[in-house]
């Protein structure tokens, strides 16, 4: 009475710290350069690592360990099934069945744990996406604000220049009218 529990451990993989697509395939022509770059990383005094990065590193480590354990239990289950076919002794057969059952229970616990880790990884990825969207929104808001301020300033300068020209034209017209009026007063109207 062995339950077949076939799980592909490759389904539970390591999540990247940040979901980034750079157009290059992993292990491509730049893989060697990337490996050299990571080997020569210096202490840059940059910002502290995000707590999400630490959590994600821990979850990735747990995923690797649990995948290895799942593979070991799959091998044990297969060996127990082989021994069950060979064993003629009732005690050995019961022991083999108990081993197979324990292996299946351990595997199902590992699978549930891997599913929970995957759920946490998805939550972290979603949180990062939301943070990126908020950051983009803030950046877009600031850019839009700067654009509107520039347009307002440009329009204010246009209005100011127009008003100055109108005032200068009115002043010239007023001076020309005053000069004409002043010259007419000096000569006066012709006598009758």
C-alpha atoms as a PDB file:
ATOM      1  CA  UNK A   1       0.000   0.000   0.000  1.00  0.00           C
ATOM      2  CA  UNK A   2       2.427   2.619  -1.142  1.00  0.00           C
ATOM      3  CA  UNK A   3       1.125   5.930  -2.373  1.00  0.00           C
ATOM      4  CA  UNK A   4       2.782   7.234  -5.489  1.00  0.00           C
ATOM      5  CA  UNK A   5       3.921  10.786  -4.861  1.00  0.00           C
ATOM      6  CA  UNK A   6       5.784  11.958  -7.922  1.00  0.00           C
ATOM      7  CA  UNK A   7       6.938  15.528  -7.500  1.00  0.00           C
ATOM      8  CA  UNK A   8       9.469  17.174  -9.722  1.00  0.00           C
ATOM      9  CA  UNK A   9      11.771  19.124  -7.378  1.00  0.00           C
ATOM     10  CA  UNK A  10      12.824  21.313 -10.301  1.00  0.00           C
ATOM     11  CA  UNK A  11       9.414  22.981 -10.043  1.00  0.00           C
ATOM     12  CA  UNK A  12      10.609  24.686  -6.891  1.00  0.00           C
ATOM     13  CA  UNK A  13      13.465  26.876  -8.018  1.00  0.00           C
ATOM     14  CA  UNK A  14      15.513  29.721  -6.665  1.00  0.00           C
ATOM     15  CA  UNK A  15      13.919  33.120  -7.168  1.00  0.00           C
ATOM     16  CA  UNK A  16      16.059  36.050  -8.317  1.00  0.00           C
ATOM     17  CA  UNK A  17      16.456  38.937  -5.888  1.00  0.00           C
ATOM     18  CA  UNK A  18      14.996  41.360  -8.367  1.00  0.00           C
ATOM     19  CA  UNK A  19      13.059  40.370 -11.433  1.00  0.00           C
ATOM     20  CA  UNK A  20      15.112  41.989 -14.167  1.00  0.00           C
ATOM     21  CA  UNK A  21      15.322  41.200 -17.855  1.00  0.00           C
ATOM     22  CA  UNK A  22      18.453  42.508 -19.488  1.00  0.00           C
ATOM     23  CA  UNK A  23      17.970  40.884 -22.880  1.00  0.00           C
ATOM     24  CA  UNK A  24      20.706  38.332 -22.348  1.00  0.00           C
ATOM     25  CA  UNK A  25      20.165  34.662 -21.855  1.00  0.00           C
ATOM     26  CA  UNK A  26      21.596  33.127 -18.674  1.00  0.00           C
ATOM     27  CA  UNK A  27      24.886  31.409 -19.326  1.00  0.00           C
ATOM     28  CA  UNK A  28      25.284  33.310 -22.568  1.00  0.00           C
ATOM     29  CA  UNK A  29      28.392  34.939 -23.903  1.00  0.00           C
ATOM     30  CA  UNK A  30      28.691  37.207 -20.865  1.00  0.00           C
ATOM     31  CA  UNK A  31      28.458  34.446 -18.263  1.00  0.00           C
ATOM     32  CA  UNK A  32      32.233  34.277 -17.824  1.00  0.00           C
ATOM     33  CA  UNK A  33      32.526  38.051 -17.484  1.00  0.00           C
ATOM     34  CA  UNK A  34      29.663  38.094 -15.010  1.00  0.00           C
ATOM     35  CA  UNK A  35      31.332  35.363 -12.954  1.00  0.00           C
ATOM     36  CA  UNK A  36      34.581  37.352 -12.924  1.00  0.00           C
ATOM     37  CA  UNK A  37      32.742  40.512 -11.947  1.00  0.00           C
ATOM     38  CA  UNK A  38      31.028  38.804  -9.016  1.00  0.00           C
ATOM     39  CA  UNK A  39      34.363  37.327  -7.924  1.00  0.00           C
ATOM     40  CA  UNK A  40      35.920  40.804  -7.802  1.00  0.00           C
ATOM     41  CA  UNK A  41      33.115  42.643  -6.009  1.00  0.00           C
ATOM     42  CA  UNK A  42      34.485  45.232  -3.629  1.00  0.00           C
ATOM     43  CA  UNK A  43      32.958  46.699  -0.513  1.00  0.00           C
ATOM     44  CA  UNK A  44      31.270  49.771  -1.970  1.00  0.00           C
ATOM     45  CA  UNK A  45      29.815  51.269   1.208  1.00  0.00           C
ATOM     46  CA  UNK A  46      26.460  51.226  -0.511  1.00  0.00           C
ATOM     47  CA  UNK A  47      23.100  51.110   1.160  1.00  0.00           C
ATOM     48  CA  UNK A  48      22.456  48.211   3.467  1.00  0.00           C
ATOM     49  CA  UNK A  49      20.839  45.187   1.926  1.00  0.00           C
ATOM     50  CA  UNK A  50      17.099  45.109   2.032  1.00  0.00           C
ATOM     51  CA  UNK A  51      15.527  42.859   4.665  1.00  0.00           C
ATOM     52  CA  UNK A  52      13.581  41.364   1.769  1.00  0.00           C
ATOM     53  CA  UNK A  53      16.890  40.360   0.167  1.00  0.00           C
ATOM     54  CA  UNK A  54      17.970  38.612   3.359  1.00  0.00           C
ATOM     55  CA  UNK A  55      14.623  36.838   3.618  1.00  0.00           C
ATOM     56  CA  UNK A  56      14.763  35.850  -0.024  1.00  0.00           C
ATOM     57  CA  UNK A  57      18.311  34.492   0.387  1.00  0.00           C
ATOM     58  CA  UNK A  58      17.145  32.414   3.339  1.00  0.00           C
ATOM     59  CA  UNK A  59      14.118  31.120   1.414  1.00  0.00           C
ATOM     60  CA  UNK A  60      16.321  30.264  -1.579  1.00  0.00           C
ATOM     61  CA  UNK A  61      18.686  28.329   0.697  1.00  0.00           C
ATOM     62  CA  UNK A  62      15.762  26.476   2.245  1.00  0.00           C
ATOM     63  CA  UNK A  63      14.423  25.646  -1.211  1.00  0.00           C
ATOM     64  CA  UNK A  64      17.753  24.149  -2.283  1.00  0.00           C
ATOM     65  CA  UNK A  65      18.027  22.089   0.900  1.00  0.00           C
ATOM     66  CA  UNK A  66      14.452  20.837   0.716  1.00  0.00           C
ATOM     67  CA  UNK A  67      14.866  19.916  -2.949  1.00  0.00           C
ATOM     68  CA  UNK A  68      17.878  17.766  -2.055  1.00  0.00           C
ATOM     69  CA  UNK A  69      15.971  16.121   0.801  1.00  0.00           C
ATOM     70  CA  UNK A  70      12.982  15.482  -1.455  1.00  0.00           C
ATOM     71  CA  UNK A  71      15.233  13.761  -3.968  1.00  0.00           C
ATOM     72  CA  UNK A  72      16.737  11.617  -1.187  1.00  0.00           C
ATOM     73  CA  UNK A  73      13.289  10.574   0.012  1.00  0.00           C
ATOM     74  CA  UNK A  74      12.263   9.734  -3.551  1.00  0.00           C
ATOM     75  CA  UNK A  75      15.284   7.432  -3.806  1.00  0.00           C
ATOM     76  CA  UNK A  76      14.440   5.856  -0.423  1.00  0.00           C
ATOM     77  CA  UNK A  77      10.837   5.290  -1.520  1.00  0.00           C
ATOM     78  CA  UNK A  78      11.996   3.615  -4.736  1.00  0.00           C
ATOM     79  CA  UNK A  79      14.412   1.377  -2.807  1.00  0.00           C
ATOM     80  CA  UNK A  80      11.674   0.477  -0.331  1.00  0.00           C
ATOM     81  CA  UNK A  81       9.381  -0.477  -3.204  1.00  0.00           C
ATOM     82  CA  UNK A  82      12.122  -2.672  -4.679  1.00  0.00           C
ATOM     83  CA  UNK A  83      12.753  -4.345  -1.297  1.00  0.00           C
ATOM     84  CA  UNK A  84       9.026  -4.982  -0.848  1.00  0.00           C
ATOM     85  CA  UNK A  85       9.035  -7.055  -4.013  1.00  0.00           C
ATOM     86  CA  UNK A  86      12.073  -9.072  -2.910  1.00  0.00           C
ATOM     87  CA  UNK A  87      11.318  -9.576   0.825  1.00  0.00           C
ATOM     88  CA  UNK A  88       9.632 -12.866   1.682  1.00  0.00           C
ATOM     89  CA  UNK A  89       9.780 -12.337   5.435  1.00  0.00           C
ATOM     90  CA  UNK A  90       6.641 -10.755   6.922  1.00  0.00           C
ATOM     91  CA  UNK A  91       8.633  -8.633   9.395  1.00  0.00           C
ATOM     92  CA  UNK A  92      10.935  -7.286   6.696  1.00  0.00           C
ATOM     93  CA  UNK A  93       7.960  -6.556   4.452  1.00  0.00           C
ATOM     94  CA  UNK A  94       6.207  -4.603   7.216  1.00  0.00           C
ATOM     95  CA  UNK A  95       9.406  -2.693   7.971  1.00  0.00           C
ATOM     96  CA  UNK A  96       9.783  -1.852   4.284  1.00  0.00           C
ATOM     97  CA  UNK A  97       6.159  -0.653   4.131  1.00  0.00           C
ATOM     98  CA  UNK A  98       6.725   1.481   7.232  1.00  0.00           C
ATOM     99  CA  UNK A  99       9.837   2.979   5.624  1.00  0.00           C
ATOM    100  CA  UNK A 100       7.912   3.724   2.439  1.00  0.00           C
ATOM    101  CA  UNK A 101       5.062   5.304   4.396  1.00  0.00           C
ATOM    102  CA  UNK A 102       7.459   7.456   6.443  1.00  0.00           C
ATOM    103  CA  UNK A 103       9.216   8.495   3.247  1.00  0.00           C
ATOM    104  CA  UNK A 104       5.914   9.509   1.637  1.00  0.00           C
ATOM    105  CA  UNK A 105       4.856  11.477   4.721  1.00  0.00           C
ATOM    106  CA  UNK A 106       8.198  13.278   4.808  1.00  0.00           C
ATOM    107  CA  UNK A 107       7.931  14.039   1.103  1.00  0.00           C
ATOM    108  CA  UNK A 108       4.436  15.464   1.466  1.00  0.00           C
ATOM    109  CA  UNK A 109       5.633  17.658   4.358  1.00  0.00           C
ATOM    110  CA  UNK A 110       8.533  18.862   2.220  1.00  0.00           C
ATOM    111  CA  UNK A 111       6.169  19.607  -0.664  1.00  0.00           C
ATOM    112  CA  UNK A 112       3.854  21.622   1.613  1.00  0.00           C
ATOM    113  CA  UNK A 113       6.865  23.529   2.930  1.00  0.00           C
ATOM    114  CA  UNK A 114       8.087  24.203  -0.603  1.00  0.00           C
ATOM    115  CA  UNK A 115       4.627  25.446  -1.548  1.00  0.00           C
ATOM    116  CA  UNK A 116       4.651  27.816   1.434  1.00  0.00           C
ATOM    117  CA  UNK A 117       8.127  29.064   0.464  1.00  0.00           C
ATOM    118  CA  UNK A 118       6.907  29.599  -3.089  1.00  0.00           C
ATOM    119  CA  UNK A 119       3.939  31.560  -1.732  1.00  0.00           C
ATOM    120  CA  UNK A 120       6.286  33.747   0.323  1.00  0.00           C
ATOM    121  CA  UNK A 121       8.522  34.288  -2.712  1.00  0.00           C
ATOM    122  CA  UNK A 122       5.492  35.367  -4.750  1.00  0.00           C
ATOM    123  CA  UNK A 123       4.491  37.763  -1.975  1.00  0.00           C
ATOM    124  CA  UNK A 124       7.989  39.263  -1.928  1.00  0.00           C
ATOM    125  CA  UNK A 125       7.958  39.626  -5.723  1.00  0.00           C
ATOM    126  CA  UNK A 126       4.527  41.300  -5.558  1.00  0.00           C
ATOM    127  CA  UNK A 127       5.684  43.669  -2.795  1.00  0.00           C
ATOM    128  CA  UNK A 128       8.728  44.640  -4.853  1.00  0.00           C
ATOM    129  CA  UNK A 129       6.567  45.250  -7.888  1.00  0.00           C
ATOM    130  CA  UNK A 130       4.249  47.464  -5.829  1.00  0.00           C
ATOM    131  CA  UNK A 131       7.241  49.403  -4.444  1.00  0.00           C
ATOM    132  CA  UNK A 132       8.567  49.897  -7.967  1.00  0.00           C
ATOM    133  CA  UNK A 133       5.168  51.131  -9.142  1.00  0.00           C
ATOM    134  CA  UNK A 134       4.940  53.558  -6.222  1.00  0.00           C
ATOM    135  CA  UNK A 135       8.447  54.811  -6.996  1.00  0.00           C
ATOM    136  CA  UNK A 136       7.566  55.209 -10.660  1.00  0.00           C
ATOM    137  CA  UNK A 137       4.387  57.058  -9.684  1.00  0.00           C
ATOM    138  CA  UNK A 138       6.359  59.427  -7.448  1.00  0.00           C
ATOM    139  CA  UNK A 139       8.958  60.005 -10.159  1.00  0.00           C
ATOM    140  CA  UNK A 140       6.252  60.589 -12.759  1.00  0.00           C
ATOM    141  CA  UNK A 141       4.482  63.002 -10.429  1.00  0.00           C
ATOM    142  CA  UNK A 142       7.672  64.999  -9.879  1.00  0.00           C
ATOM    143  CA  UNK A 143       8.408  65.072 -13.626  1.00  0.00           C
ATOM    144  CA  UNK A 144       4.857  66.190 -14.411  1.00  0.00           C
ATOM    145  CA  UNK A 145       5.021  68.835 -11.703  1.00  0.00           C
ATOM    146  CA  UNK A 146       8.304  70.181 -13.090  1.00  0.00           C
ATOM    147  CA  UNK A 147       6.834  70.209 -16.601  1.00  0.00           C
ATOM    148  CA  UNK A 148       3.776  72.192 -15.448  1.00  0.00           C
ATOM    149  CA  UNK A 149       5.932  74.636 -13.497  1.00  0.00           C
ATOM    150  CA  UNK A 150       8.067  75.207 -16.598  1.00  0.00           C
ATOM    151  CA  UNK A 151       4.966  75.789 -18.732  1.00  0.00           C
ATOM    152  CA  UNK A 152       3.523  78.205 -16.150  1.00  0.00           C
ATOM    153  CA  UNK A 153       6.822  80.095 -15.975  1.00  0.00           C
ATOM    154  CA  UNK A 154       7.056  80.267 -19.776  1.00  0.00           C
ATOM    155  CA  UNK A 155       3.481  81.526 -20.100  1.00  0.00           C
ATOM    156  CA  UNK A 156       4.030  84.091 -17.324  1.00  0.00           C
ATOM    157  CA  UNK A 157       7.104  85.410 -19.150  1.00  0.00           C
ATOM    158  CA  UNK A 158       5.134  85.647 -22.412  1.00  0.00           C
ATOM    159  CA  UNK A 159       2.330  87.582 -20.701  1.00  0.00           C
ATOM    160  CA  UNK A 160       4.851  89.850 -18.985  1.00  0.00           C
ATOM    161  CA  UNK A 161       6.666  90.557 -22.258  1.00  0.00           C
ATOM    162  CA  UNK A 162       3.354  91.298 -24.020  1.00  0.00           C
ATOM    163  CA  UNK A 163       2.279  93.693 -21.271  1.00  0.00           C
ATOM    164  CA  UNK A 164       5.650  95.450 -21.340  1.00  0.00           C
ATOM    165  CA  UNK A 165       5.395  95.918 -25.115  1.00  0.00           C
ATOM    166  CA  UNK A 166       1.825  97.230 -24.758  1.00  0.00           C
ATOM    167  CA  UNK A 167       2.901  99.608 -22.000  1.00  0.00           C
ATOM    168  CA  UNK A 168       5.858 100.799 -24.075  1.00  0.00           C
ATOM    169  CA  UNK A 169       3.619 101.262 -27.115  1.00  0.00           C
ATOM    170  CA  UNK A 170       1.038 103.128 -25.036  1.00  0.00           C
ATOM    171  CA  UNK A 171       3.744 105.298 -23.566  1.00  0.00           C
ATOM    172  CA  UNK A 172       5.137 106.082 -27.028  1.00  0.00           C
ATOM    173  CA  UNK A 173       1.632 106.784 -28.300  1.00  0.00           C
ATOM    174  CA  UNK A 174       0.991 108.945 -25.246  1.00  0.00           C
ATOM    175  CA  UNK A 175       4.257 110.834 -25.762  1.00  0.00           C
ATOM    176  CA  UNK A 176       3.549 111.256 -29.469  1.00  0.00           C
ATOM    177  CA  UNK A 177       0.013 112.469 -28.711  1.00  0.00           C
ATOM    178  CA  UNK A 178       1.269 114.815 -26.040  1.00  0.00           C
ATOM    179  CA  UNK A 179       3.914 116.152 -28.400  1.00  0.00           C
ATOM    180  CA  UNK A 180       1.321 116.667 -31.109  1.00  0.00           C
ATOM    181  CA  UNK A 181      -1.052 118.271 -28.648  1.00  0.00           C
ATOM    182  CA  UNK A 182       1.736 120.410 -27.279  1.00  0.00           C
ATOM    183  CA  UNK A 183       2.751 121.625 -30.749  1.00  0.00           C
ATOM    184  CA  UNK A 184      -0.853 122.413 -31.619  1.00  0.00           C
ATOM    185  CA  UNK A 185      -1.236 124.460 -28.447  1.00  0.00           C
ATOM    186  CA  UNK A 186       1.881 126.423 -29.210  1.00  0.00           C
ATOM    187  CA  UNK A 187       0.762 127.533 -32.576  1.00  0.00           C
ATOM    188  CA  UNK A 188      -2.820 127.695 -31.561  1.00  0.00           C
ATOM    189  CA  UNK A 189      -5.712 127.769 -33.856  1.00  0.00           C
ATOM    190  CA  UNK A 190      -5.651 130.282 -36.659  1.00  0.00           C
ATOM    191  CA  UNK A 191      -7.264 133.615 -35.747  1.00  0.00           C
ATOM    192  CA  UNK A 192     -10.650 134.474 -37.183  1.00  0.00           C
END
